[in-house]
Amino acid sequence: FFLMTKMAAAFHSQAQILQTSSANSSETNAPKSETTNNT
């Protein structure tokens, strides 16, 4: 039970990290693209 609970928490945490990373990557890529173009 504890192992499954930890695994579930780990999967949930990883999912949040991936989701945040994806969002940040999208936001970062957009300005970088504009900055590159502007530069």
PDB file of all heavy atoms in Angstrom:
ATOM      1  N   PHE A   1       0.836  -1.202   0.000  1.00  0.00           N
ATOM      2  CA  PHE A   1       0.000   0.000   0.000  1.00  0.00           C
ATOM      3  C   PHE A   1       0.877   1.260   0.000  1.00  0.00           C
ATOM      4  O   PHE A   1       0.669   2.184  -0.802  1.00  0.00           O
ATOM      5  CB  PHE A   1      -0.918  -0.016   1.231  1.00  0.00           C
ATOM      6  CG  PHE A   1      -1.716   1.238   1.378  1.00  0.00           C
ATOM      7  CD1 PHE A   1      -2.829   1.476   0.577  1.00  0.00           C
ATOM      8  CD2 PHE A   1      -1.346   2.219   2.299  1.00  0.00           C
ATOM      9  CE1 PHE A   1      -3.553   2.636   0.725  1.00  0.00           C
ATOM     10  CE2 PHE A   1      -2.063   3.386   2.432  1.00  0.00           C
ATOM     11  CZ  PHE A   1      -3.184   3.597   1.642  1.00  0.00           C
ATOM     12  N   PHE A   2       1.863   1.250   0.935  1.00  0.00           N
ATOM     13  CA  PHE A   2       2.749   2.417   0.986  1.00  0.00           C
ATOM     14  C   PHE A   2       3.547   2.580  -0.308  1.00  0.00           C
ATOM     15  O   PHE A   2       3.777   3.682  -0.801  1.00  0.00           O
ATOM     16  CB  PHE A   2       3.691   2.308   2.197  1.00  0.00           C
ATOM     17  CG  PHE A   2       3.039   2.614   3.503  1.00  0.00           C
ATOM     18  CD1 PHE A   2       2.933   1.647   4.500  1.00  0.00           C
ATOM     19  CD2 PHE A   2       2.505   3.881   3.744  1.00  0.00           C
ATOM     20  CE1 PHE A   2       2.317   1.935   5.705  1.00  0.00           C
ATOM     21  CE2 PHE A   2       1.897   4.166   4.970  1.00  0.00           C
ATOM     22  CZ  PHE A   2       1.800   3.194   5.951  1.00  0.00           C
ATOM     23  N   LEU A   3       3.986   1.436  -0.854  1.00  0.00           N
ATOM     24  CA  LEU A   3       4.754   1.490  -2.103  1.00  0.00           C
ATOM     25  C   LEU A   3       3.911   2.050  -3.241  1.00  0.00           C
ATOM     26  O   LEU A   3       4.361   2.910  -4.010  1.00  0.00           O
ATOM     27  CB  LEU A   3       5.264   0.086  -2.431  1.00  0.00           C
ATOM     28  CG  LEU A   3       6.084  -0.043  -3.721  1.00  0.00           C
ATOM     29  CD1 LEU A   3       7.343   0.815  -3.633  1.00  0.00           C
ATOM     30  CD2 LEU A   3       6.453  -1.508  -3.972  1.00  0.00           C
ATOM     31  N   MET A   4       2.689   1.586  -3.326  1.00  0.00           N
ATOM     32  CA  MET A   4       1.800   2.072  -4.382  1.00  0.00           C
ATOM     33  C   MET A   4       1.454   3.546  -4.185  1.00  0.00           C
ATOM     34  O   MET A   4       1.364   4.317  -5.139  1.00  0.00           O
ATOM     35  CB  MET A   4       0.516   1.220  -4.406  1.00  0.00           C
ATOM     36  CG  MET A   4       0.753  -0.220  -4.861  1.00  0.00           C
ATOM     37  SD  MET A   4      -0.752  -1.199  -4.896  1.00  0.00           S
ATOM     38  CE  MET A   4      -1.632  -0.393  -6.215  1.00  0.00           C
ATOM     39  N   THR A   5       1.288   3.925  -2.885  1.00  0.00           N
ATOM     40  CA  THR A   5       0.995   5.336  -2.599  1.00  0.00           C
ATOM     41  C   THR A   5       2.144   6.232  -3.035  1.00  0.00           C
ATOM     42  O   THR A   5       1.977   7.280  -3.659  1.00  0.00           O
ATOM     43  CB  THR A   5       0.737   5.536  -1.100  1.00  0.00           C
ATOM     44  OG1 THR A   5      -0.365   4.724  -0.717  1.00  0.00           O
ATOM     45  CG2 THR A   5       0.426   6.992  -0.793  1.00  0.00           C
ATOM     46  N   LYS A   6       3.372   5.789  -2.709  1.00  0.00           N
ATOM     47  CA  LYS A   6       4.542   6.580  -3.093  1.00  0.00           C
ATOM     48  C   LYS A   6       4.706   6.635  -4.598  1.00  0.00           C
ATOM     49  O   LYS A   6       5.063   7.660  -5.175  1.00  0.00           O
ATOM     50  CB  LYS A   6       5.796   5.992  -2.441  1.00  0.00           C
ATOM     51  CG  LYS A   6       5.889   6.241  -0.950  1.00  0.00           C
ATOM     52  CD  LYS A   6       7.199   5.732  -0.399  1.00  0.00           C
ATOM     53  CE  LYS A   6       7.311   6.036   1.094  1.00  0.00           C
ATOM     54  NZ  LYS A   6       8.601   5.586   1.652  1.00  0.00           N
ATOM     55  N   MET A   7       4.436   5.479  -5.222  1.00  0.00           N
ATOM     56  CA  MET A   7       4.552   5.455  -6.682  1.00  0.00           C
ATOM     57  C   MET A   7       3.532   6.382  -7.329  1.00  0.00           C
ATOM     58  O   MET A   7       3.840   7.118  -8.283  1.00  0.00           O
ATOM     59  CB  MET A   7       4.369   4.020  -7.195  1.00  0.00           C
ATOM     60  CG  MET A   7       5.546   3.102  -6.874  1.00  0.00           C
ATOM     61  SD  MET A   7       5.273   1.403  -7.435  1.00  0.00           S
ATOM     62  CE  MET A   7       5.201   1.679  -9.203  1.00  0.00           C
ATOM     63  N   ALA A   8       2.335   6.388  -6.790  1.00  0.00           N
ATOM     64  CA  ALA A   8       1.291   7.268  -7.319  1.00  0.00           C
ATOM     65  C   ALA A   8       1.675   8.728  -7.134  1.00  0.00           C
ATOM     66  O   ALA A   8       1.497   9.570  -8.024  1.00  0.00           O
ATOM     67  CB  ALA A   8      -0.039   6.965  -6.631  1.00  0.00           C
ATOM     68  N   ALA A   9       2.214   9.032  -5.938  1.00  0.00           N
ATOM     69  CA  ALA A   9       2.632  10.415  -5.671  1.00  0.00           C
ATOM     70  C   ALA A   9       3.772  10.825  -6.595  1.00  0.00           C
ATOM     71  O   ALA A   9       3.834  11.945  -7.093  1.00  0.00           O
ATOM     72  CB  ALA A   9       3.056  10.547  -4.207  1.00  0.00           C
ATOM     73  N   ALA A  10       4.681   9.851  -6.809  1.00  0.00           N
ATOM     74  CA  ALA A  10       5.815  10.150  -7.689  1.00  0.00           C
ATOM     75  C   ALA A  10       5.345  10.407  -9.110  1.00  0.00           C
ATOM     76  O   ALA A  10       5.800  11.345  -9.783  1.00  0.00           O
ATOM     77  CB  ALA A  10       6.817   9.006  -7.656  1.00  0.00           C
ATOM     78  N   PHE A  11       4.428   9.556  -9.577  1.00  0.00           N
ATOM     79  CA  PHE A  11       3.891   9.752 -10.935  1.00  0.00           C
ATOM     80  C   PHE A  11       3.161  11.081 -11.055  1.00  0.00           C
ATOM     81  O   PHE A  11       3.268  11.796 -12.054  1.00  0.00           O
ATOM     82  CB  PHE A  11       2.947   8.593 -11.288  1.00  0.00           C
ATOM     83  CG  PHE A  11       3.669   7.345 -11.710  1.00  0.00           C
ATOM     84  CD1 PHE A  11       3.447   6.144 -11.064  1.00  0.00           C
ATOM     85  CD2 PHE A  11       4.592   7.384 -12.765  1.00  0.00           C
ATOM     86  CE1 PHE A  11       4.110   4.994 -11.459  1.00  0.00           C
ATOM     87  CE2 PHE A  11       5.251   6.233 -13.152  1.00  0.00           C
ATOM     88  CZ  PHE A  11       5.000   5.024 -12.494  1.00  0.00           C
ATOM     89  N   HIS A  12       2.406  11.420 -10.013  1.00  0.00           N
ATOM     90  CA  HIS A  12       1.672  12.686 -10.020  1.00  0.00           C
ATOM     91  C   HIS A  12       2.626  13.882 -10.051  1.00  0.00           C
ATOM     92  O   HIS A  12       2.433  14.849 -10.792  1.00  0.00           O
ATOM     93  CB  HIS A  12       0.771  12.760  -8.782  1.00  0.00           C
ATOM     94  CG  HIS A  12      -0.034  14.032  -8.708  1.00  0.00           C
ATOM     95  ND1 HIS A  12      -1.065  14.315  -9.594  1.00  0.00           N
ATOM     96  CD2 HIS A  12       0.059  15.094  -7.857  1.00  0.00           C
ATOM     97  CE1 HIS A  12      -1.568  15.484  -9.299  1.00  0.00           C
ATOM     98  NE2 HIS A  12      -0.901  15.985  -8.247  1.00  0.00           N
ATOM     99  N   SER A  13       3.679  13.768  -9.201  1.00  0.00           N
ATOM    100  CA  SER A  13       4.665  14.856  -9.158  1.00  0.00           C
ATOM    101  C   SER A  13       5.377  14.994 -10.497  1.00  0.00           C
ATOM    102  O   SER A  13       5.603  16.090 -10.996  1.00  0.00           O
ATOM    103  CB  SER A  13       5.671  14.578  -8.047  1.00  0.00           C
ATOM    104  OG  SER A  13       6.693  15.560  -8.050  1.00  0.00           O
ATOM    105  N   GLN A  14       5.725  13.834 -11.089  1.00  0.00           N
ATOM    106  CA  GLN A  14       6.402  13.877 -12.377  1.00  0.00           C
ATOM    107  C   GLN A  14       5.517  14.482 -13.459  1.00  0.00           C
ATOM    108  O   GLN A  14       5.971  15.239 -14.321  1.00  0.00           O
ATOM    109  CB  GLN A  14       6.832  12.449 -12.771  1.00  0.00           C
ATOM    110  CG  GLN A  14       7.660  12.384 -14.050  1.00  0.00           C
ATOM    111  CD  GLN A  14       8.997  13.044 -13.881  1.00  0.00           C
ATOM    112  OE1 GLN A  14       9.522  13.134 -12.774  1.00  0.00           O
ATOM    113  NE2 GLN A  14       9.560  13.532 -14.980  1.00  0.00           N
ATOM    114  N   ALA A  15       4.246  14.151 -13.382  1.00  0.00           N
ATOM    115  CA  ALA A  15       3.296  14.702 -14.361  1.00  0.00           C
ATOM    116  C   ALA A  15       3.209  16.213 -14.240  1.00  0.00           C
ATOM    117  O   ALA A  15       3.157  16.936 -15.248  1.00  0.00           O
ATOM    118  CB  ALA A  15       1.918  14.059 -14.152  1.00  0.00           C
ATOM    119  N   GLN A  16       3.191  16.709 -12.981  1.00  0.00           N
ATOM    120  CA  GLN A  16       3.137  18.151 -12.777  1.00  0.00           C
ATOM    121  C   GLN A  16       4.412  18.825 -13.311  1.00  0.00           C
ATOM    122  O   GLN A  16       4.361  19.887 -13.919  1.00  0.00           O
ATOM    123  CB  GLN A  16       2.968  18.463 -11.287  1.00  0.00           C
ATOM    124  CG  GLN A  16       1.579  18.184 -10.762  1.00  0.00           C
ATOM    125  CD  GLN A  16       1.451  18.602  -9.311  1.00  0.00           C
ATOM    126  OE1 GLN A  16       2.436  18.576  -8.571  1.00  0.00           O
ATOM    127  NE2 GLN A  16       0.251  18.978  -8.918  1.00  0.00           N
ATOM    128  N   ILE A  17       5.562  18.171 -13.046  1.00  0.00           N
ATOM    129  CA  ILE A  17       6.827  18.735 -13.530  1.00  0.00           C
ATOM    130  C   ILE A  17       6.834  18.803 -15.043  1.00  0.00           C
ATOM    131  O   ILE A  17       7.220  19.804 -15.649  1.00  0.00           O
ATOM    132  CB  ILE A  17       8.013  17.895 -13.019  1.00  0.00           C
ATOM    133  CG1 ILE A  17       8.160  18.040 -11.506  1.00  0.00           C
ATOM    134  CG2 ILE A  17       9.308  18.281 -13.743  1.00  0.00           C
ATOM    135  CD1 ILE A  17       9.167  17.101 -10.895  1.00  0.00           C
ATOM    136  N   LEU A  18       6.393  17.718 -15.661  1.00  0.00           N
ATOM    137  CA  LEU A  18       6.361  17.691 -17.128  1.00  0.00           C
ATOM    138  C   LEU A  18       5.418  18.744 -17.678  1.00  0.00           C
ATOM    139  O   LEU A  18       5.706  19.416 -18.686  1.00  0.00           O
ATOM    140  CB  LEU A  18       5.963  16.298 -17.613  1.00  0.00           C
ATOM    141  CG  LEU A  18       6.990  15.195 -17.382  1.00  0.00           C
ATOM    142  CD1 LEU A  18       6.409  13.838 -17.773  1.00  0.00           C
ATOM    143  CD2 LEU A  18       8.252  15.479 -18.189  1.00  0.00           C
ATOM    144  N   GLN A  19       4.269  18.885 -17.007  1.00  0.00           N
ATOM    145  CA  GLN A  19       3.287  19.878 -17.453  1.00  0.00           C
ATOM    146  C   GLN A  19       3.841  21.282 -17.319  1.00  0.00           C
ATOM    147  O   GLN A  19       3.730  22.114 -18.222  1.00  0.00           O
ATOM    148  CB  GLN A  19       2.006  19.723 -16.637  1.00  0.00           C
ATOM    149  CG  GLN A  19       0.884  20.649 -17.134  1.00  0.00           C
ATOM    150  CD  GLN A  19      -0.391  20.430 -16.337  1.00  0.00           C
ATOM    151  OE1 GLN A  19      -0.425  19.607 -15.424  1.00  0.00           O
ATOM    152  NE2 GLN A  19      -1.435  21.150 -16.695  1.00  0.00           N
ATOM    153  N   THR A  20       4.497  21.563 -16.151  1.00  0.00           N
ATOM    154  CA  THR A  20       5.084  22.890 -15.932  1.00  0.00           C
ATOM    155  C   THR A  20       6.208  23.156 -16.915  1.00  0.00           C
ATOM    156  O   THR A  20       6.330  24.240 -17.473  1.00  0.00           O
ATOM    157  CB  THR A  20       5.615  22.998 -14.495  1.00  0.00           C
ATOM    158  OG1 THR A  20       4.543  22.743 -13.579  1.00  0.00           O
ATOM    159  CG2 THR A  20       6.207  24.383 -14.241  1.00  0.00           C
ATOM    160  N   SER A  21       7.042  22.119 -17.109  1.00  0.00           N
ATOM    161  CA  SER A  21       8.164  22.272 -18.033  1.00  0.00           C
ATOM    162  C   SER A  21       7.689  22.551 -19.436  1.00  0.00           C
ATOM    163  O   SER A  21       8.219  23.380 -20.151  1.00  0.00           O
ATOM    164  CB  SER A  21       9.027  21.009 -18.006  1.00  0.00           C
ATOM    165  OG  SER A  21      10.049  21.091 -18.962  1.00  0.00           O
ATOM    166  N   SER A  22       6.599  21.838 -19.800  1.00  0.00           N
ATOM    167  CA  SER A  22       6.053  22.057 -21.136  1.00  0.00           C
ATOM    168  C   SER A  22       5.525  23.469 -21.298  1.00  0.00           C
ATOM    169  O   SER A  22       5.736  24.124 -22.309  1.00  0.00           O
ATOM    170  CB  SER A  22       4.935  21.036 -21.398  1.00  0.00           C
ATOM    171  OG  SER A  22       4.330  21.285 -22.647  1.00  0.00           O
ATOM    172  N   ALA A  23       4.835  23.961 -20.248  1.00  0.00           N
ATOM    173  CA  ALA A  23       4.285  25.317 -20.296  1.00  0.00           C
ATOM    174  C   ALA A  23       5.401  26.344 -20.375  1.00  0.00           C
ATOM    175  O   ALA A  23       5.356  27.289 -21.163  1.00  0.00           O
ATOM    176  CB  ALA A  23       3.403  25.571 -19.070  1.00  0.00           C
ATOM    177  N   ASN A  24       6.426  26.148 -19.524  1.00  0.00           N
ATOM    178  CA  ASN A  24       7.548  27.096 -19.535  1.00  0.00           C
ATOM    179  C   ASN A  24       8.285  27.083 -20.855  1.00  0.00           C
ATOM    180  O   ASN A  24       8.732  28.102 -21.356  1.00  0.00           O
ATOM    181  CB  ASN A  24       8.532  26.766 -18.405  1.00  0.00           C
ATOM    182  CG  ASN A  24       7.970  27.084 -17.034  1.00  0.00           C
ATOM    183  OD1 ASN A  24       7.020  27.866 -16.943  1.00  0.00           O
ATOM    184  ND2 ASN A  24       8.532  26.478 -15.996  1.00  0.00           N
ATOM    185  N   SER A  25       8.395  25.853 -21.394  1.00  0.00           N
ATOM    186  CA  SER A  25       9.086  25.744 -22.678  1.00  0.00           C
ATOM    187  C   SER A  25       8.340  26.485 -23.760  1.00  0.00           C
ATOM    188  O   SER A  25       8.928  27.172 -24.587  1.00  0.00           O
ATOM    189  CB  SER A  25       9.227  24.269 -23.054  1.00  0.00           C
ATOM    190  OG  SER A  25       9.811  24.125 -24.316  1.00  0.00           O
ATOM    191  N   SER A  26       7.022  26.395 -23.725  1.00  0.00           N
ATOM    192  CA  SER A  26       6.217  27.103 -24.727  1.00  0.00           C
ATOM    193  C   SER A  26       6.366  28.602 -24.576  1.00  0.00           C
ATOM    194  O   SER A  26       6.522  29.337 -25.553  1.00  0.00           O
ATOM    195  CB  SER A  26       4.745  26.711 -24.584  1.00  0.00           C
ATOM    196  OG  SER A  26       4.581  25.322 -24.781  1.00  0.00           O
ATOM    197  N   GLU A  27       6.318  29.057 -23.299  1.00  0.00           N
ATOM    198  CA  GLU A  27       6.437  30.499 -23.062  1.00  0.00           C
ATOM    199  C   GLU A  27       7.825  30.997 -23.439  1.00  0.00           C
ATOM    200  O   GLU A  27       7.982  32.057 -24.011  1.00  0.00           O
ATOM    201  CB  GLU A  27       6.168  30.815 -21.581  1.00  0.00           C
ATOM    202  CG  GLU A  27       4.711  30.572 -21.187  1.00  0.00           C
ATOM    203  CD  GLU A  27       4.524  30.781 -19.695  1.00  0.00           C
ATOM    204  OE1 GLU A  27       5.531  31.085 -19.022  1.00  0.00           O
ATOM    205  OE2 GLU A  27       3.395  30.626 -19.214  1.00  0.00           O
ATOM    206  N   THR A  28       8.827  30.168 -23.084  1.00  0.00           N
ATOM    207  CA  THR A  28      10.199  30.598 -23.358  1.00  0.00           C
ATOM    208  C   THR A  28      10.475  30.615 -24.843  1.00  0.00           C
ATOM    209  O   THR A  28      11.124  31.506 -25.364  1.00  0.00           O
ATOM    210  CB  THR A  28      11.195  29.651 -22.659  1.00  0.00           C
ATOM    211  OG1 THR A  28      10.912  29.632 -21.284  1.00  0.00           O
ATOM    212  CG2 THR A  28      12.632  30.117 -22.909  1.00  0.00           C
ATOM    213  N   ASN A  29       9.966  29.622 -25.519  1.00  0.00           N
ATOM    214  CA  ASN A  29      10.215  29.542 -26.954  1.00  0.00           C
ATOM    215  C   ASN A  29       9.610  30.699 -27.702  1.00  0.00           C
ATOM    216  O   ASN A  29      10.180  31.204 -28.655  1.00  0.00           O
ATOM    217  CB  ASN A  29       9.670  28.240 -27.523  1.00  0.00           C
ATOM    218  CG  ASN A  29      10.521  27.041 -27.106  1.00  0.00           C
ATOM    219  OD1 ASN A  29      11.679  27.221 -26.760  1.00  0.00           O
ATOM    220  ND2 ASN A  29       9.950  25.842 -27.141  1.00  0.00           N
ATOM    221  N   ALA A  30       8.436  31.124 -27.261  1.00  0.00           N
ATOM    222  CA  ALA A  30       7.784  32.235 -27.966  1.00  0.00           C
ATOM    223  C   ALA A  30       8.611  33.504 -27.894  1.00  0.00           C
ATOM    224  O   ALA A  30       8.935  34.090 -28.914  1.00  0.00           O
ATOM    225  CB  ALA A  30       6.382  32.460 -27.403  1.00  0.00           C
ATOM    226  N   PRO A  31       9.033  33.974 -26.700  1.00  0.00           N
ATOM    227  CA  PRO A  31       9.862  35.171 -26.643  1.00  0.00           C
ATOM    228  C   PRO A  31      11.195  34.994 -27.348  1.00  0.00           C
ATOM    229  O   PRO A  31      11.686  35.890 -27.977  1.00  0.00           O
ATOM    230  CB  PRO A  31      10.071  35.409 -25.151  1.00  0.00           C
ATOM    231  CG  PRO A  31       8.927  34.728 -24.487  1.00  0.00           C
ATOM    232  CD  PRO A  31       8.619  33.551 -25.353  1.00  0.00           C
ATOM    233  N   LYS A  32      11.760  33.751 -27.216  1.00  0.00           N
ATOM    234  CA  LYS A  32      13.046  33.559 -27.868  1.00  0.00           C
ATOM    235  C   LYS A  32      12.907  33.725 -29.363  1.00  0.00           C
ATOM    236  O   LYS A  32      13.747  34.299 -30.030  1.00  0.00           O
ATOM    237  CB  LYS A  32      13.598  32.172 -27.550  1.00  0.00           C
ATOM    238  CG  LYS A  32      14.283  32.089 -26.207  1.00  0.00           C
ATOM    239  CD  LYS A  32      14.930  30.744 -26.034  1.00  0.00           C
ATOM    240  CE  LYS A  32      15.657  30.694 -24.697  1.00  0.00           C
ATOM    241  NZ  LYS A  32      16.268  29.395 -24.452  1.00  0.00           N
ATOM    242  N   SER A  33      11.823  33.199 -29.876  1.00  0.00           N
ATOM    243  CA  SER A  33      11.598  33.337 -31.301  1.00  0.00           C
ATOM    244  C   SER A  33      11.469  34.792 -31.690  1.00  0.00           C
ATOM    245  O   SER A  33      12.039  35.255 -32.667  1.00  0.00           O
ATOM    246  CB  SER A  33      10.318  32.573 -31.684  1.00  0.00           C
ATOM    247  OG  SER A  33      10.034  32.762 -33.035  1.00  0.00           O
ATOM    248  N   GLU A  34      10.721  35.564 -30.849  1.00  0.00           N
ATOM    249  CA  GLU A  34      10.565  36.981 -31.139  1.00  0.00           C
ATOM    250  C   GLU A  34      11.891  37.704 -30.980  1.00  0.00           C
ATOM    251  O   GLU A  34      12.231  38.540 -31.792  1.00  0.00           O
ATOM    252  CB  GLU A  34       9.529  37.593 -30.184  1.00  0.00           C
ATOM    253  CG  GLU A  34       8.117  37.085 -30.440  1.00  0.00           C
ATOM    254  CD  GLU A  34       7.145  37.633 -29.411  1.00  0.00           C
ATOM    255  OE1 GLU A  34       7.578  38.435 -28.575  1.00  0.00           O
ATOM    256  OE2 GLU A  34       5.976  37.260 -29.453  1.00  0.00           O
ATOM    257  N   THR A  35      12.631  37.335 -29.896  1.00  0.00           N
ATOM    258  CA  THR A  35      13.911  37.998 -29.663  1.00  0.00           C
ATOM    259  C   THR A  35      14.869  37.729 -30.801  1.00  0.00           C
ATOM    260  O   THR A  35      15.553  38.609 -31.290  1.00  0.00           O
ATOM    261  CB  THR A  35      14.531  37.509 -28.337  1.00  0.00           C
ATOM    262  OG1 THR A  35      13.625  37.785 -27.284  1.00  0.00           O
ATOM    263  CG2 THR A  35      15.867  38.183 -28.075  1.00  0.00           C
ATOM    264  N   THR A  36      14.888  36.459 -31.232  1.00  0.00           N
ATOM    265  CA  THR A  36      15.772  36.113 -32.335  1.00  0.00           C
ATOM    266  C   THR A  36      15.406  36.882 -33.570  1.00  0.00           C
ATOM    267  O   THR A  36      16.251  37.439 -34.264  1.00  0.00           O
ATOM    268  CB  THR A  36      15.688  34.601 -32.618  1.00  0.00           C
ATOM    269  OG1 THR A  36      16.029  33.894 -31.433  1.00  0.00           O
ATOM    270  CG2 THR A  36      16.625  34.219 -33.751  1.00  0.00           C
ATOM    271  N   ASN A  37      14.105  36.939 -33.840  1.00  0.00           N
ATOM    272  CA  ASN A  37      13.664  37.674 -35.020  1.00  0.00           C
ATOM    273  C   ASN A  37      13.987  39.143 -34.912  1.00  0.00           C
ATOM    274  O   ASN A  37      14.439  39.768 -35.859  1.00  0.00           O
ATOM    275  CB  ASN A  37      12.158  37.493 -35.219  1.00  0.00           C
ATOM    276  CG  ASN A  37      11.813  36.065 -35.626  1.00  0.00           C
ATOM    277  OD1 ASN A  37      12.666  35.349 -36.145  1.00  0.00           O
ATOM    278  ND2 ASN A  37      10.574  35.651 -35.370  1.00  0.00           N
ATOM    279  N   ASN A  38      13.705  39.686 -33.679  1.00  0.00           N
ATOM    280  CA  ASN A  38      13.989  41.108 -33.499  1.00  0.00           C
ATOM    281  C   ASN A  38      15.469  41.386 -33.633  1.00  0.00           C
ATOM    282  O   ASN A  38      15.878  42.358 -34.248  1.00  0.00           O
ATOM    283  CB  ASN A  38      13.502  41.578 -32.121  1.00  0.00           C
ATOM    284  CG  ASN A  38      11.985  41.625 -32.052  1.00  0.00           C
ATOM    285  OD1 ASN A  38      11.321  41.667 -33.078  1.00  0.00           O
ATOM    286  ND2 ASN A  38      11.450  41.611 -30.830  1.00  0.00           N
ATOM    287  N   THR A  39      16.270  40.482 -32.997  1.00  0.00           N
ATOM    288  CA  THR A  39      17.709  40.684 -33.084  1.00  0.00           C
ATOM    289  C   THR A  39      18.180  40.606 -34.514  1.00  0.00           C
ATOM    290  O   THR A  39      18.980  41.390 -34.973  1.00  0.00           O
ATOM    291  CB  THR A  39      18.431  39.620 -32.232  1.00  0.00           C
ATOM    292  OG1 THR A  39      17.976  39.722 -30.894  1.00  0.00           O
ATOM    293  CG2 THR A  39      19.935  39.811 -32.282  1.00  0.00           C
TER     294      THR A  39
END
